[in-house]
Amino acid sequence: MEETVQTRLIRAEEKGAIDEALEVLRGGGLLAFPTETVYGLGARLFDPRALERLFSVKGRPRGRPFILHLAEKSMVFEVAASVPEVATRLMEAFWPGPLTLVLPARPEVPMAVRGGGETVGVRIPAHPVALELIGSLGEPLPAPSANLTGRPSPTTADHVLRDLGGKIELVLDAGPTGIGVESTVLDLSGGRPRILRAGAVAWEDLRPFLPDLEPGGEEGPSFTFRKEVLVFSGQGKELVESVAREYDAAKARGRRPLILALGEHAGEYGEREKVVWASFDRLHEAARNLFALLRELEEGEWDLFLFEPVEEKGLGRAVMSRLRRAARGAR
């Protein structure tokens, strides 16, 4: 059983905040820190006990690897056994930023970080606090998302505290994250590049570098969502009619449904209970707010959520991937 610890929250801009974070890491502790995507949970790379705590605190299966967060490109060569030419071009184009590259690992990278395999995922986050922290530490920082496994990823310090308060030593609070969905994970370790996780860098953005790359990354683990989620497909009048029918049928069965509508359709649902969650031309806003919205919905009075879909191109592909995972994991 994991021992309860006192979790301290400090604003990242406070004087001495980074020094305190470094002290936690060097002392074998765990800390949550902001990135441009979601909050990460960091531990020292070559501290076996700290890495073990990462698994224990999150409830994370041992076979799932950790992404290594870097402060500069030169750190890649500390952990990667080889770096193909296309990886160098992708780093130049997308780093710092939400693209994780999976490369052959150097043998000294701990097996726990590699998930028992022969590869390692690396990225440079585009967040000043993360960059200062990792740069001051002077070594790659393993960091999965700072949430319990199966919960929506945290986009605020409060989300971290709800999941991990009393389990980790420190939370560096820099306000809400800017992107709101995790990085895209691109595997370059084998003969054929493939997307392991759809994320904030779109498939369309990667195609100029990898013309044969196919969409992917839909097979991520489901959220443990405590209420029922239905994600619809289609568009226009037929979509609205399908959602309205399901809403009315659920009400007739004594359910408390809520429509998560696109802004362009909200007026067509009349007096039915609804919330605008996205629109055709504001995908970045939908992505930034998605995980916070899912957490808020769980705590509300409704017991069935009917989501209209956004178009699956660009960032919309990652957003819809996360929604389908929430639907699969609903209880």
C-alpha atoms as a PDB file:
ATOM      1  CA  MET A   1       0.000   0.000   0.000  1.00  0.00           C
ATOM      2  CA  GLU A   2       1.351   3.409  -1.037  1.00  0.00           C
ATOM      3  CA  GLU A   3       2.364   5.555   1.917  1.00  0.00           C
ATOM      4  CA  THR A   4       0.512   8.869   2.302  1.00  0.00           C
ATOM      5  CA  VAL A   5       2.716  11.915   1.848  1.00  0.00           C
ATOM      6  CA  GLN A   6       2.069  15.625   2.198  1.00  0.00           C
ATOM      7  CA  THR A   7       1.520  17.098  -1.253  1.00  0.00           C
ATOM      8  CA  ARG A   8       2.696  20.683  -1.576  1.00  0.00           C
ATOM      9  CA  LEU A   9       1.343  22.931  -4.339  1.00  0.00           C
ATOM     10  CA  ILE A  10       3.388  25.945  -5.370  1.00  0.00           C
ATOM     11  CA  ARG A  11       2.984  28.422  -8.179  1.00  0.00           C
ATOM     12  CA  ALA A  12       5.672  27.855 -10.782  1.00  0.00           C
ATOM     13  CA  GLU A  13       6.538  31.548 -10.910  1.00  0.00           C
ATOM     14  CA  GLU A  14       7.261  31.741  -7.181  1.00  0.00           C
ATOM     15  CA  LYS A  15      10.847  32.439  -6.251  1.00  0.00           C
ATOM     16  CA  GLY A  16      12.623  29.172  -5.530  1.00  0.00           C
ATOM     17  CA  ALA A  17       9.907  26.977  -7.097  1.00  0.00           C
ATOM     18  CA  ILE A  18      12.263  25.262  -9.540  1.00  0.00           C
ATOM     19  CA  ASP A  19      14.884  24.771  -6.816  1.00  0.00           C
ATOM     20  CA  GLU A  20      12.265  23.090  -4.634  1.00  0.00           C
ATOM     21  CA  ALA A  21      11.198  20.888  -7.533  1.00  0.00           C
ATOM     22  CA  LEU A  22      14.805  19.837  -8.126  1.00  0.00           C
ATOM     23  CA  GLU A  23      15.212  19.027  -4.446  1.00  0.00           C
ATOM     24  CA  VAL A  24      12.162  16.746  -4.620  1.00  0.00           C
ATOM     25  CA  LEU A  25      13.486  14.913  -7.675  1.00  0.00           C
ATOM     26  CA  ARG A  26      17.014  14.536  -6.338  1.00  0.00           C
ATOM     27  CA  GLY A  27      15.597  13.227  -3.082  1.00  0.00           C
ATOM     28  CA  GLY A  28      13.739  10.427  -4.854  1.00  0.00           C
ATOM     29  CA  GLY A  29      10.342  12.148  -4.835  1.00  0.00           C
ATOM     30  CA  LEU A  30       7.659  12.642  -7.465  1.00  0.00           C
ATOM     31  CA  LEU A  31       6.401  15.956  -8.786  1.00  0.00           C
ATOM     32  CA  ALA A  32       3.766  17.096 -11.224  1.00  0.00           C
ATOM     33  CA  PHE A  33       4.726  19.818 -13.676  1.00  0.00           C
ATOM     34  CA  PRO A  34       3.022  21.588 -16.585  1.00  0.00           C
ATOM     35  CA  THR A  35       3.636  20.980 -20.260  1.00  0.00           C
ATOM     36  CA  GLU A  36       1.832  22.485 -23.226  1.00  0.00           C
ATOM     37  CA  THR A  37      -0.313  19.325 -23.533  1.00  0.00           C
ATOM     38  CA  VAL A  38      -1.201  18.024 -20.045  1.00  0.00           C
ATOM     39  CA  TYR A  39       0.493  17.926 -16.633  1.00  0.00           C
ATOM     40  CA  GLY A  40       3.271  15.340 -16.365  1.00  0.00           C
ATOM     41  CA  LEU A  41       4.433  13.301 -13.376  1.00  0.00           C
ATOM     42  CA  GLY A  42       8.213  13.272 -13.155  1.00  0.00           C
ATOM     43  CA  ALA A  43      10.827  11.075 -11.458  1.00  0.00           C
ATOM     44  CA  ARG A  44      14.598  10.697 -11.826  1.00  0.00           C
ATOM     45  CA  LEU A  45      15.608   8.538 -14.778  1.00  0.00           C
ATOM     46  CA  PHE A  46      18.213   6.463 -12.939  1.00  0.00           C
ATOM     47  CA  ASP A  47      16.420   6.172  -9.584  1.00  0.00           C
ATOM     48  CA  PRO A  48      14.826   2.690  -9.525  1.00  0.00           C
ATOM     49  CA  ARG A  49      12.765   3.375  -6.392  1.00  0.00           C
ATOM     50  CA  ALA A  50      11.347   6.593  -7.839  1.00  0.00           C
ATOM     51  CA  LEU A  51      10.452   4.827 -11.097  1.00  0.00           C
ATOM     52  CA  GLU A  52       8.746   2.072  -9.111  1.00  0.00           C
ATOM     53  CA  ARG A  53       6.721   4.726  -7.300  1.00  0.00           C
ATOM     54  CA  LEU A  54       5.605   6.137 -10.658  1.00  0.00           C
ATOM     55  CA  PHE A  55       3.981   2.795 -11.472  1.00  0.00           C
ATOM     56  CA  SER A  56       2.543   2.371  -7.986  1.00  0.00           C
ATOM     57  CA  VAL A  57       1.143   5.896  -7.579  1.00  0.00           C
ATOM     58  CA  LYS A  58      -0.528   5.894 -10.993  1.00  0.00           C
ATOM     59  CA  GLY A  59      -1.668   2.263 -10.863  1.00  0.00           C
ATOM     60  CA  ARG A  60       0.083   1.842 -14.193  1.00  0.00           C
ATOM     61  CA  PRO A  61       0.729  -1.567 -15.809  1.00  0.00           C
ATOM     62  CA  ARG A  62       4.439  -2.415 -15.816  1.00  0.00           C
ATOM     63  CA  GLY A  63       4.583  -3.038 -19.557  1.00  0.00           C
ATOM     64  CA  ARG A  64       3.701   0.525 -20.550  1.00  0.00           C
ATOM     65  CA  PRO A  65       6.741   2.738 -21.219  1.00  0.00           C
ATOM     66  CA  PHE A  66       7.309   6.305 -20.045  1.00  0.00           C
ATOM     67  CA  ILE A  67       8.039   9.211 -22.380  1.00  0.00           C
ATOM     68  CA  LEU A  68      11.324  10.976 -21.666  1.00  0.00           C
ATOM     69  CA  HIS A  69      11.045  14.765 -21.651  1.00  0.00           C
ATOM     70  CA  LEU A  70      14.127  16.650 -22.813  1.00  0.00           C
ATOM     71  CA  ALA A  71      15.358  20.240 -22.606  1.00  0.00           C
ATOM     72  CA  GLU A  72      17.396  20.236 -25.830  1.00  0.00           C
ATOM     73  CA  LYS A  73      17.981  18.052 -28.876  1.00  0.00           C
ATOM     74  CA  SER A  74      21.434  16.950 -27.724  1.00  0.00           C
ATOM     75  CA  MET A  75      19.758  14.960 -24.927  1.00  0.00           C
ATOM     76  CA  VAL A  76      18.319  12.593 -27.538  1.00  0.00           C
ATOM     77  CA  PHE A  77      21.743  11.016 -28.000  1.00  0.00           C
ATOM     78  CA  GLU A  78      21.964  10.257 -24.269  1.00  0.00           C
ATOM     79  CA  VAL A  79      19.050   7.815 -24.541  1.00  0.00           C
ATOM     80  CA  ALA A  80      18.660   6.847 -28.229  1.00  0.00           C
ATOM     81  CA  ALA A  81      20.987   4.310 -29.836  1.00  0.00           C
ATOM     82  CA  SER A  82      20.348   5.715 -33.306  1.00  0.00           C
ATOM     83  CA  VAL A  83      18.501   8.677 -34.794  1.00  0.00           C
ATOM     84  CA  PRO A  84      17.316   8.335 -38.412  1.00  0.00           C
ATOM     85  CA  GLU A  85      17.573  11.320 -40.716  1.00  0.00           C
ATOM     86  CA  VAL A  86      13.788  11.761 -40.846  1.00  0.00           C
ATOM     87  CA  ALA A  87      13.729  12.025 -37.038  1.00  0.00           C
ATOM     88  CA  THR A  88      16.197  14.916 -37.227  1.00  0.00           C
ATOM     89  CA  ARG A  89      13.963  16.711 -39.718  1.00  0.00           C
ATOM     90  CA  LEU A  90      10.887  16.124 -37.554  1.00  0.00           C
ATOM     91  CA  MET A  91      12.717  17.482 -34.486  1.00  0.00           C
ATOM     92  CA  GLU A  92      13.604  20.635 -36.420  1.00  0.00           C
ATOM     93  CA  ALA A  93      10.010  21.073 -37.539  1.00  0.00           C
ATOM     94  CA  PHE A  94       8.064  20.205 -34.384  1.00  0.00           C
ATOM     95  CA  TRP A  95      10.319  20.610 -31.326  1.00  0.00           C
ATOM     96  CA  PRO A  96       9.767  22.045 -28.853  1.00  0.00           C
ATOM     97  CA  GLY A  97       6.250  20.720 -29.237  1.00  0.00           C
ATOM     98  CA  PRO A  98       3.744  17.891 -28.823  1.00  0.00           C
ATOM     99  CA  LEU A  99       5.433  15.214 -30.921  1.00  0.00           C
ATOM    100  CA  THR A 100       6.966  12.153 -29.254  1.00  0.00           C
ATOM    101  CA  LEU A 101       9.401  10.136 -31.363  1.00  0.00           C
ATOM    102  CA  VAL A 102       9.973   6.464 -30.563  1.00  0.00           C
ATOM    103  CA  LEU A 103      13.576   5.465 -31.316  1.00  0.00           C
ATOM    104  CA  PRO A 104      15.888   2.516 -30.569  1.00  0.00           C
ATOM    105  CA  ALA A 105      17.000   2.842 -26.944  1.00  0.00           C
ATOM    106  CA  ARG A 106      20.512   2.839 -25.553  1.00  0.00           C
ATOM    107  CA  PRO A 107      21.001  -0.159 -23.255  1.00  0.00           C
ATOM    108  CA  GLU A 108      21.550   2.022 -20.189  1.00  0.00           C
ATOM    109  CA  VAL A 109      17.984   3.381 -20.354  1.00  0.00           C
ATOM    110  CA  PRO A 110      16.191   1.545 -17.517  1.00  0.00           C
ATOM    111  CA  MET A 111      13.961  -1.322 -18.624  1.00  0.00           C
ATOM    112  CA  ALA A 112      11.097   0.166 -16.595  1.00  0.00           C
ATOM    113  CA  VAL A 113      11.187   3.320 -18.722  1.00  0.00           C
ATOM    114  CA  ARG A 114      11.240   1.236 -21.909  1.00  0.00           C
ATOM    115  CA  GLY A 115       8.279  -0.875 -20.823  1.00  0.00           C
ATOM    116  CA  GLY A 116      10.393  -3.986 -21.243  1.00  0.00           C
ATOM    117  CA  GLY A 117      11.119  -3.245 -24.910  1.00  0.00           C
ATOM    118  CA  GLU A 118      14.039  -1.981 -26.946  1.00  0.00           C
ATOM    119  CA  THR A 119      12.761   1.516 -27.725  1.00  0.00           C
ATOM    120  CA  VAL A 120      12.365   4.857 -25.974  1.00  0.00           C
ATOM    121  CA  GLY A 121       9.964   7.747 -26.577  1.00  0.00           C
ATOM    122  CA  VAL A 122      11.389  11.284 -26.466  1.00  0.00           C
ATOM    123  CA  ARG A 123      10.138  14.835 -26.884  1.00  0.00           C
ATOM    124  CA  ILE A 124      10.940  18.430 -25.950  1.00  0.00           C
ATOM    125  CA  PRO A 125       7.874  20.087 -24.370  1.00  0.00           C
ATOM    126  CA  ALA A 126       6.956  23.606 -25.467  1.00  0.00           C
ATOM    127  CA  HIS A 127       6.441  25.007 -21.982  1.00  0.00           C
ATOM    128  CA  PRO A 128       8.863  27.379 -20.224  1.00  0.00           C
ATOM    129  CA  VAL A 129       8.409  25.774 -16.798  1.00  0.00           C
ATOM    130  CA  ALA A 130       9.056  22.271 -18.114  1.00  0.00           C
ATOM    131  CA  LEU A 131      12.102  23.443 -20.066  1.00  0.00           C
ATOM    132  CA  GLU A 132      13.568  25.270 -17.074  1.00  0.00           C
ATOM    133  CA  LEU A 133      12.973  22.278 -14.813  1.00  0.00           C
ATOM    134  CA  ILE A 134      14.544  19.725 -17.173  1.00  0.00           C
ATOM    135  CA  GLY A 135      17.368  22.034 -18.182  1.00  0.00           C
ATOM    136  CA  SER A 136      18.241  22.698 -14.535  1.00  0.00           C
ATOM    137  CA  LEU A 137      18.066  18.980 -13.748  1.00  0.00           C
ATOM    138  CA  GLY A 138      20.430  18.323 -16.635  1.00  0.00           C
ATOM    139  CA  GLU A 139      19.042  14.946 -17.641  1.00  0.00           C
ATOM    140  CA  PRO A 140      16.000  13.471 -19.416  1.00  0.00           C
ATOM    141  CA  LEU A 141      12.901  13.363 -17.213  1.00  0.00           C
ATOM    142  CA  PRO A 142      10.534  10.354 -17.417  1.00  0.00           C
ATOM    143  CA  ALA A 143       6.997  11.678 -17.117  1.00  0.00           C
ATOM    144  CA  PRO A 144       3.661  10.039 -17.868  1.00  0.00           C
ATOM    145  CA  SER A 145       0.537  12.149 -17.365  1.00  0.00           C
ATOM    146  CA  ALA A 146      -0.059  13.149 -13.736  1.00  0.00           C
ATOM    147  CA  ASN A 147      -3.311  11.255 -13.196  1.00  0.00           C
ATOM    148  CA  LEU A 148      -4.470   7.873 -12.011  1.00  0.00           C
ATOM    149  CA  THR A 149      -4.372   5.341 -14.837  1.00  0.00           C
ATOM    150  CA  GLY A 150      -7.765   5.252 -16.506  1.00  0.00           C
ATOM    151  CA  ARG A 151      -8.740   8.801 -15.559  1.00  0.00           C
ATOM    152  CA  PRO A 152      -8.798  11.724 -18.029  1.00  0.00           C
ATOM    153  CA  SER A 153      -5.407  13.385 -18.280  1.00  0.00           C
ATOM    154  CA  PRO A 154      -4.981  16.464 -16.052  1.00  0.00           C
ATOM    155  CA  THR A 155      -4.971  19.903 -17.632  1.00  0.00           C
ATOM    156  CA  THR A 156      -4.926  21.854 -14.340  1.00  0.00           C
ATOM    157  CA  ALA A 157      -3.121  21.513 -11.023  1.00  0.00           C
ATOM    158  CA  ASP A 158      -6.486  20.883  -9.370  1.00  0.00           C
ATOM    159  CA  HIS A 159      -6.995  17.792 -11.553  1.00  0.00           C
ATOM    160  CA  VAL A 160      -3.611  16.519 -10.367  1.00  0.00           C
ATOM    161  CA  LEU A 161      -4.502  17.056  -6.716  1.00  0.00           C
ATOM    162  CA  ARG A 162      -7.844  15.263  -7.115  1.00  0.00           C
ATOM    163  CA  ASP A 163      -6.104  12.161  -8.440  1.00  0.00           C
ATOM    164  CA  LEU A 164      -2.724  12.231  -6.712  1.00  0.00           C
ATOM    165  CA  GLY A 165      -3.050  14.432  -3.637  1.00  0.00           C
ATOM    166  CA  GLY A 166      -1.404  12.649  -0.703  1.00  0.00           C
ATOM    167  CA  LYS A 167       0.549  10.414  -3.109  1.00  0.00           C
ATOM    168  CA  ILE A 168       3.225  12.756  -4.525  1.00  0.00           C
ATOM    169  CA  GLU A 169       5.440  15.394  -2.953  1.00  0.00           C
ATOM    170  CA  LEU A 170       4.929  18.461  -5.145  1.00  0.00           C
ATOM    171  CA  VAL A 171       2.725  20.052  -7.807  1.00  0.00           C
ATOM    172  CA  LEU A 172       4.122  22.955  -9.841  1.00  0.00           C
ATOM    173  CA  ASP A 173       1.070  25.004 -10.784  1.00  0.00           C
ATOM    174  CA  ALA A 174       1.294  27.109 -13.952  1.00  0.00           C
ATOM    175  CA  GLY A 175      -2.423  27.311 -14.683  1.00  0.00           C
ATOM    176  CA  PRO A 176      -4.361  25.391 -17.371  1.00  0.00           C
ATOM    177  CA  THR A 177      -2.367  23.744 -20.139  1.00  0.00           C
ATOM    178  CA  GLY A 178      -2.584  25.273 -23.587  1.00  0.00           C
ATOM    179  CA  ILE A 179      -3.323  22.311 -25.873  1.00  0.00           C
ATOM    180  CA  GLY A 180      -5.226  19.916 -23.631  1.00  0.00           C
ATOM    181  CA  VAL A 181      -4.642  16.581 -25.405  1.00  0.00           C
ATOM    182  CA  GLU A 182      -1.477  14.514 -25.190  1.00  0.00           C
ATOM    183  CA  SER A 183       1.395  14.470 -27.670  1.00  0.00           C
ATOM    184  CA  THR A 184       1.288  12.466 -30.860  1.00  0.00           C
ATOM    185  CA  VAL A 185       3.453   9.353 -30.545  1.00  0.00           C
ATOM    186  CA  LEU A 186       5.263   8.411 -33.778  1.00  0.00           C
ATOM    187  CA  ASP A 187       7.258   5.170 -33.908  1.00  0.00           C
ATOM    188  CA  LEU A 188      10.389   5.481 -36.049  1.00  0.00           C
ATOM    189  CA  SER A 189      12.157   2.458 -34.565  1.00  0.00           C
ATOM    190  CA  GLY A 190      11.198  -0.070 -37.225  1.00  0.00           C
ATOM    191  CA  GLY A 191      11.064  -0.291 -40.986  1.00  0.00           C
ATOM    192  CA  ARG A 192       7.682   1.393 -41.358  1.00  0.00           C
ATOM    193  CA  PRO A 193       6.846   4.553 -39.379  1.00  0.00           C
ATOM    194  CA  ARG A 194       3.499   4.418 -37.608  1.00  0.00           C
ATOM    195  CA  ILE A 195       1.423   6.563 -35.301  1.00  0.00           C
ATOM    196  CA  LEU A 196       0.976   4.838 -31.931  1.00  0.00           C
ATOM    197  CA  ARG A 197      -1.137   7.624 -30.435  1.00  0.00           C
ATOM    198  CA  ALA A 198      -3.103  10.297 -32.260  1.00  0.00           C
ATOM    199  CA  GLY A 199      -2.364  13.601 -30.583  1.00  0.00           C
ATOM    200  CA  ALA A 200      -1.753  17.305 -30.868  1.00  0.00           C
ATOM    201  CA  VAL A 201       0.405  17.058 -34.016  1.00  0.00           C
ATOM    202  CA  ALA A 202      -1.959  15.971 -36.759  1.00  0.00           C
ATOM    203  CA  TRP A 203      -1.388  13.142 -39.232  1.00  0.00           C
ATOM    204  CA  GLU A 204      -1.786  15.716 -42.014  1.00  0.00           C
ATOM    205  CA  ASP A 205       1.141  17.713 -40.575  1.00  0.00           C
ATOM    206  CA  LEU A 206       3.408  14.651 -40.633  1.00  0.00           C
ATOM    207  CA  ARG A 207       2.624  13.576 -44.196  1.00  0.00           C
ATOM    208  CA  PRO A 208       5.080  16.013 -45.872  1.00  0.00           C
ATOM    209  CA  PHE A 209       7.884  14.228 -43.997  1.00  0.00           C
ATOM    210  CA  LEU A 210       6.451  10.706 -44.289  1.00  0.00           C
ATOM    211  CA  PRO A 211       4.267  10.497 -47.437  1.00  0.00           C
ATOM    212  CA  ASP A 212       3.329   6.847 -46.815  1.00  0.00           C
ATOM    213  CA  LEU A 213       2.325   7.370 -43.184  1.00  0.00           C
ATOM    214  CA  GLU A 214      -1.169   6.121 -42.384  1.00  0.00           C
ATOM    215  CA  PRO A 215      -3.556   7.477 -39.725  1.00  0.00           C
ATOM    216  CA  GLY A 216      -3.474   5.517 -36.495  1.00  0.00           C
ATOM    217  CA  GLY A 217      -3.292   5.704 -32.738  1.00  0.00           C
ATOM    218  CA  GLU A 218      -6.874   4.727 -31.990  1.00  0.00           C
ATOM    219  CA  GLU A 219      -6.001   1.746 -29.791  1.00  0.00           C
ATOM    220  CA  GLY A 220      -5.131   3.645 -26.608  1.00  0.00           C
ATOM    221  CA  PRO A 221      -6.451   2.489 -23.228  1.00  0.00           C
ATOM    222  CA  SER A 222     -10.007   3.444 -22.278  1.00  0.00           C
ATOM    223  CA  PHE A 223     -10.881   5.910 -19.557  1.00  0.00           C
ATOM    224  CA  THR A 224     -12.679   4.605 -16.517  1.00  0.00           C
ATOM    225  CA  PHE A 225     -15.652   6.907 -17.014  1.00  0.00           C
ATOM    226  CA  ARG A 226     -18.328   6.652 -14.347  1.00  0.00           C
ATOM    227  CA  LYS A 227     -21.320   7.508 -16.535  1.00  0.00           C
ATOM    228  CA  GLU A 228     -22.545   6.446 -19.949  1.00  0.00           C
ATOM    229  CA  VAL A 229     -21.182   8.229 -23.012  1.00  0.00           C
ATOM    230  CA  LEU A 230     -22.534   7.852 -26.552  1.00  0.00           C
ATOM    231  CA  VAL A 231     -20.521   9.339 -29.413  1.00  0.00           C
ATOM    232  CA  PHE A 232     -22.501   9.844 -32.610  1.00  0.00           C
ATOM    233  CA  SER A 233     -21.350   9.927 -36.215  1.00  0.00           C
ATOM    234  CA  GLY A 234     -22.672  11.733 -39.240  1.00  0.00           C
ATOM    235  CA  GLN A 235     -23.444  15.370 -39.846  1.00  0.00           C
ATOM    236  CA  GLY A 236     -26.153  17.880 -40.547  1.00  0.00           C
ATOM    237  CA  LYS A 237     -29.864  17.198 -40.182  1.00  0.00           C
ATOM    238  CA  GLU A 238     -29.510  13.404 -39.892  1.00  0.00           C
ATOM    239  CA  LEU A 239     -27.054  13.780 -36.990  1.00  0.00           C
ATOM    240  CA  VAL A 240     -29.337  16.165 -35.110  1.00  0.00           C
ATOM    241  CA  GLU A 241     -32.325  13.875 -35.626  1.00  0.00           C
ATOM    242  CA  SER A 242     -30.381  10.836 -34.348  1.00  0.00           C
ATOM    243  CA  VAL A 243     -29.234  12.644 -31.221  1.00  0.00           C
ATOM    244  CA  ALA A 244     -32.706  14.051 -30.542  1.00  0.00           C
ATOM    245  CA  ARG A 245     -34.283  10.595 -30.896  1.00  0.00           C
ATOM    246  CA  GLU A 246     -31.836   9.080 -28.441  1.00  0.00           C
ATOM    247  CA  TYR A 247     -32.392  11.948 -26.008  1.00  0.00           C
ATOM    248  CA  ASP A 248     -36.180  11.581 -26.115  1.00  0.00           C
ATOM    249  CA  ALA A 249     -36.022   7.798 -25.729  1.00  0.00           C
ATOM    250  CA  ALA A 250     -33.685   8.131 -22.748  1.00  0.00           C
ATOM    251  CA  LYS A 251     -35.986  10.670 -21.091  1.00  0.00           C
ATOM    252  CA  ALA A 252     -38.926   8.313 -21.594  1.00  0.00           C
ATOM    253  CA  ARG A 253     -36.939   5.607 -19.751  1.00  0.00           C
ATOM    254  CA  GLY A 254     -36.384   7.901 -16.781  1.00  0.00           C
ATOM    255  CA  ARG A 255     -32.769   8.808 -17.655  1.00  0.00           C
ATOM    256  CA  ARG A 256     -31.119  12.247 -17.290  1.00  0.00           C
ATOM    257  CA  PRO A 257     -29.476  12.792 -20.695  1.00  0.00           C
ATOM    258  CA  LEU A 258     -27.420  15.797 -21.750  1.00  0.00           C
ATOM    259  CA  ILE A 259     -26.621  16.708 -25.339  1.00  0.00           C
ATOM    260  CA  LEU A 260     -23.053  17.851 -26.018  1.00  0.00           C
ATOM    261  CA  ALA A 261     -23.781  19.846 -29.127  1.00  0.00           C
ATOM    262  CA  LEU A 262     -21.769  21.660 -31.741  1.00  0.00           C
ATOM    263  CA  GLY A 263     -22.370  25.381 -31.618  1.00  0.00           C
ATOM    264  CA  GLU A 264     -23.774  25.313 -35.146  1.00  0.00           C
ATOM    265  CA  HIS A 265     -26.516  22.824 -34.123  1.00  0.00           C
ATOM    266  CA  ALA A 266     -27.378  23.833 -30.566  1.00  0.00           C
ATOM    267  CA  GLY A 267     -30.444  25.857 -31.507  1.00  0.00           C
ATOM    268  CA  GLU A 268     -32.005  22.897 -33.295  1.00  0.00           C
ATOM    269  CA  TYR A 269     -32.520  20.938 -30.060  1.00  0.00           C
ATOM    270  CA  GLY A 270     -35.181  23.265 -28.692  1.00  0.00           C
ATOM    271  CA  GLU A 271     -35.834  22.814 -24.955  1.00  0.00           C
ATOM    272  CA  ARG A 272     -33.735  19.666 -24.625  1.00  0.00           C
ATOM    273  CA  GLU A 273     -30.893  20.020 -22.122  1.00  0.00           C
ATOM    274  CA  LYS A 274     -27.660  20.754 -23.962  1.00  0.00           C
ATOM    275  CA  VAL A 275     -24.191  22.229 -23.642  1.00  0.00           C
ATOM    276  CA  VAL A 276     -22.088  23.549 -26.523  1.00  0.00           C
ATOM    277  CA  TRP A 277     -18.791  21.687 -26.346  1.00  0.00           C
ATOM    278  CA  ALA A 278     -17.239  22.402 -29.758  1.00  0.00           C
ATOM    279  CA  SER A 279     -17.783  24.025 -33.138  1.00  0.00           C
ATOM    280  CA  PHE A 280     -16.547  23.548 -36.669  1.00  0.00           C
ATOM    281  CA  ASP A 281     -13.950  26.327 -36.511  1.00  0.00           C
ATOM    282  CA  ARG A 282     -12.824  26.100 -32.842  1.00  0.00           C
ATOM    283  CA  LEU A 283     -11.203  22.687 -32.594  1.00  0.00           C
ATOM    284  CA  HIS A 284      -8.286  23.975 -30.515  1.00  0.00           C
ATOM    285  CA  GLU A 285     -10.741  25.230 -27.902  1.00  0.00           C
ATOM    286  CA  ALA A 286     -12.538  21.865 -27.865  1.00  0.00           C
ATOM    287  CA  ALA A 287      -9.235  20.026 -27.372  1.00  0.00           C
ATOM    288  CA  ARG A 288      -8.069  22.379 -24.640  1.00  0.00           C
ATOM    289  CA  ASN A 289     -11.292  21.941 -22.661  1.00  0.00           C
ATOM    290  CA  LEU A 290     -12.095  18.262 -23.344  1.00  0.00           C
ATOM    291  CA  PHE A 291     -10.519  16.555 -20.307  1.00  0.00           C
ATOM    292  CA  ALA A 292     -11.755  19.247 -17.929  1.00  0.00           C
ATOM    293  CA  LEU A 293     -15.235  18.875 -19.426  1.00  0.00           C
ATOM    294  CA  LEU A 294     -15.218  15.084 -18.950  1.00  0.00           C
ATOM    295  CA  ARG A 295     -14.247  15.460 -15.300  1.00  0.00           C
ATOM    296  CA  GLU A 296     -16.945  18.092 -14.766  1.00  0.00           C
ATOM    297  CA  LEU A 297     -19.620  15.956 -16.434  1.00  0.00           C
ATOM    298  CA  GLU A 298     -18.909  13.034 -14.122  1.00  0.00           C
ATOM    299  CA  GLU A 299     -19.737  15.199 -11.126  1.00  0.00           C
ATOM    300  CA  GLY A 300     -22.984  16.597 -12.546  1.00  0.00           C
ATOM    301  CA  GLU A 301     -26.547  15.361 -12.252  1.00  0.00           C
ATOM    302  CA  TRP A 302     -26.828  13.777 -15.710  1.00  0.00           C
ATOM    303  CA  ASP A 303     -26.336  10.050 -16.290  1.00  0.00           C
ATOM    304  CA  LEU A 304     -26.071   9.911 -20.098  1.00  0.00           C
ATOM    305  CA  PHE A 305     -23.993  12.131 -22.390  1.00  0.00           C
ATOM    306  CA  LEU A 306     -24.779  12.379 -26.098  1.00  0.00           C
ATOM    307  CA  PHE A 307     -21.807  13.827 -28.001  1.00  0.00           C
ATOM    308  CA  GLU A 308     -22.044  15.297 -31.465  1.00  0.00           C
ATOM    309  CA  PRO A 309     -18.759  14.602 -33.291  1.00  0.00           C
ATOM    310  CA  VAL A 310     -16.230  17.046 -34.659  1.00  0.00           C
ATOM    311  CA  GLU A 311     -14.719  16.396 -38.067  1.00  0.00           C
ATOM    312  CA  GLU A 312     -11.885  13.867 -37.925  1.00  0.00           C
ATOM    313  CA  LYS A 313      -9.146  15.852 -39.540  1.00  0.00           C
ATOM    314  CA  GLY A 314      -6.297  17.775 -37.962  1.00  0.00           C
ATOM    315  CA  LEU A 315      -6.693  18.078 -34.215  1.00  0.00           C
ATOM    316  CA  GLY A 316     -10.213  16.650 -34.516  1.00  0.00           C
ATOM    317  CA  ARG A 317      -8.751  13.168 -34.980  1.00  0.00           C
ATOM    318  CA  ALA A 318      -7.139  13.275 -31.517  1.00  0.00           C
ATOM    319  CA  VAL A 319     -10.247  14.757 -29.914  1.00  0.00           C
ATOM    320  CA  MET A 320     -12.513  12.048 -31.300  1.00  0.00           C
ATOM    321  CA  SER A 321     -10.033   9.342 -30.287  1.00  0.00           C
ATOM    322  CA  ARG A 322     -10.269  10.521 -26.665  1.00  0.00           C
ATOM    323  CA  LEU A 323     -14.071  10.676 -26.785  1.00  0.00           C
ATOM    324  CA  ARG A 324     -14.351   7.130 -28.107  1.00  0.00           C
ATOM    325  CA  ARG A 325     -12.024   5.933 -25.326  1.00  0.00           C
ATOM    326  CA  ALA A 326     -14.331   7.596 -22.783  1.00  0.00           C
ATOM    327  CA  ALA A 327     -17.318   5.853 -24.355  1.00  0.00           C
ATOM    328  CA  ARG A 328     -15.583   2.460 -24.305  1.00  0.00           C
ATOM    329  CA  GLY A 329     -14.633   2.862 -20.645  1.00  0.00           C
ATOM    330  CA  ALA A 330     -18.032   4.058 -19.413  1.00  0.00           C
ATOM    331  CA  ARG A 331     -19.575   2.124 -16.564  1.00  0.00           C
END
